[in-house]
Amino acid sequence: MLANIGFPGLILILVVALIVFGPNKLPEIGKAAGDTLREFKKSANDLTSDVTDEVKEVKSIVNDDSK
């Protein structure tokens, strides 16, 4: 969805956000959005690594049993 917005759409969104929130609040909102995105990515990576570790453990158990 975001890939279809394009540069003019991003400028429009920025102008609307600037009008709605004002120039003083915009940096705070951007920082909060960045922090939220960073935390989401960290959580997703943790979950992925947990699943990967479990798969590796099961594979090692299966390989040990087949010997």
C-alpha atoms as a PDB file:
ATOM      1  CA  MET A   1       0.000   0.000   0.000  1.00  0.00           C
ATOM      2  CA  LEU A   2       2.723   2.504   0.920  1.00  0.00           C
ATOM      3  CA  ALA A   3       4.635   1.708  -2.265  1.00  0.00           C
ATOM      4  CA  ASN A   4       1.766   3.108  -4.343  1.00  0.00           C
ATOM      5  CA  ILE A   5       1.669   6.517  -2.629  1.00  0.00           C
ATOM      6  CA  GLY A   6       4.594   8.134  -4.427  1.00  0.00           C
ATOM      7  CA  PHE A   7       6.397  11.384  -3.768  1.00  0.00           C
ATOM      8  CA  PRO A   8       3.445  13.774  -4.349  1.00  0.00           C
ATOM      9  CA  GLY A   9       1.310  11.722  -1.971  1.00  0.00           C
ATOM     10  CA  LEU A  10       3.973  11.893   0.727  1.00  0.00           C
ATOM     11  CA  ILE A  11       4.186  15.666   0.355  1.00  0.00           C
ATOM     12  CA  LEU A  12       0.400  15.923   0.658  1.00  0.00           C
ATOM     13  CA  ILE A  13       0.408  13.775   3.803  1.00  0.00           C
ATOM     14  CA  LEU A  14       3.190  15.911   5.304  1.00  0.00           C
ATOM     15  CA  VAL A  15       1.307  19.148   4.550  1.00  0.00           C
ATOM     16  CA  VAL A  16      -1.921  17.798   6.075  1.00  0.00           C
ATOM     17  CA  ALA A  17      -0.027  16.584   9.167  1.00  0.00           C
ATOM     18  CA  LEU A  18       1.635  19.975   9.470  1.00  0.00           C
ATOM     19  CA  ILE A  19      -1.751  21.727   9.311  1.00  0.00           C
ATOM     20  CA  VAL A  20      -3.436  19.335  11.749  1.00  0.00           C
ATOM     21  CA  PHE A  21      -0.671  19.008  14.354  1.00  0.00           C
ATOM     22  CA  GLY A  22       1.321  22.212  13.863  1.00  0.00           C
ATOM     23  CA  PRO A  23       5.057  22.629  13.461  1.00  0.00           C
ATOM     24  CA  ASN A  24       5.816  22.193  17.178  1.00  0.00           C
ATOM     25  CA  LYS A  25       4.181  18.780  17.589  1.00  0.00           C
ATOM     26  CA  LEU A  26       5.343  17.248  14.301  1.00  0.00           C
ATOM     27  CA  PRO A  27       8.888  16.304  15.467  1.00  0.00           C
ATOM     28  CA  GLU A  28       7.478  14.680  18.611  1.00  0.00           C
ATOM     29  CA  ILE A  29       4.999  12.662  16.550  1.00  0.00           C
ATOM     30  CA  GLY A  30       7.755  11.597  14.144  1.00  0.00           C
ATOM     31  CA  LYS A  31       9.982  10.484  17.021  1.00  0.00           C
ATOM     32  CA  ALA A  32       7.150   8.508  18.597  1.00  0.00           C
ATOM     33  CA  ALA A  33       6.361   6.838  15.253  1.00  0.00           C
ATOM     34  CA  GLY A  34      10.036   5.966  14.763  1.00  0.00           C
ATOM     35  CA  ASP A  35      10.323   4.519  18.269  1.00  0.00           C
ATOM     36  CA  THR A  36       7.181   2.464  17.722  1.00  0.00           C
ATOM     37  CA  LEU A  37       8.436   1.126  14.399  1.00  0.00           C
ATOM     38  CA  ARG A  38      11.839   0.282  15.908  1.00  0.00           C
ATOM     39  CA  GLU A  39      10.192  -1.621  18.786  1.00  0.00           C
ATOM     40  CA  PHE A  40       7.919  -3.490  16.358  1.00  0.00           C
ATOM     41  CA  LYS A  41      10.904  -4.553  14.225  1.00  0.00           C
ATOM     42  CA  LYS A  42      12.807  -5.665  17.330  1.00  0.00           C
ATOM     43  CA  SER A  43       9.850  -7.741  18.517  1.00  0.00           C
ATOM     44  CA  ALA A  44       9.384  -9.293  15.076  1.00  0.00           C
ATOM     45  CA  ASN A  45      13.095 -10.195  14.903  1.00  0.00           C
ATOM     46  CA  ASP A  46      12.965 -11.714  18.404  1.00  0.00           C
ATOM     47  CA  LEU A  47       9.945 -13.804  17.473  1.00  0.00           C
ATOM     48  CA  THR A  48      11.583 -14.939  14.233  1.00  0.00           C
ATOM     49  CA  SER A  49      14.787 -15.913  16.022  1.00  0.00           C
ATOM     50  CA  ASP A  50      12.793 -17.841  18.645  1.00  0.00           C
ATOM     51  CA  VAL A  51      11.026 -19.835  15.927  1.00  0.00           C
ATOM     52  CA  THR A  52      14.305 -20.403  14.063  1.00  0.00           C
ATOM     53  CA  ASP A  53      15.944 -21.679  17.258  1.00  0.00           C
ATOM     54  CA  GLU A  54      13.056 -24.090  17.833  1.00  0.00           C
ATOM     55  CA  VAL A  55      13.301 -25.420  14.274  1.00  0.00           C
ATOM     56  CA  LYS A  56      17.053 -25.963  14.660  1.00  0.00           C
ATOM     57  CA  GLU A  57      16.480 -27.794  17.933  1.00  0.00           C
ATOM     58  CA  VAL A  58      13.868 -30.081  16.388  1.00  0.00           C
ATOM     59  CA  LYS A  59      16.136 -30.778  13.401  1.00  0.00           C
ATOM     60  CA  SER A  60      19.019 -31.717  15.694  1.00  0.00           C
ATOM     61  CA  ILE A  61      16.758 -34.055  17.687  1.00  0.00           C
ATOM     62  CA  VAL A  62      15.492 -35.689  14.486  1.00  0.00           C
ATOM     63  CA  ASN A  63      19.046 -36.072  13.151  1.00  0.00           C
ATOM     64  CA  ASP A  64      20.239 -37.600  16.446  1.00  0.00           C
ATOM     65  CA  ASP A  65      17.344 -40.084  16.448  1.00  0.00           C
ATOM     66  CA  SER A  66      18.065 -41.201  12.888  1.00  0.00           C
ATOM     67  CA  LYS A  67      21.646 -42.231  13.747  1.00  0.00           C
END
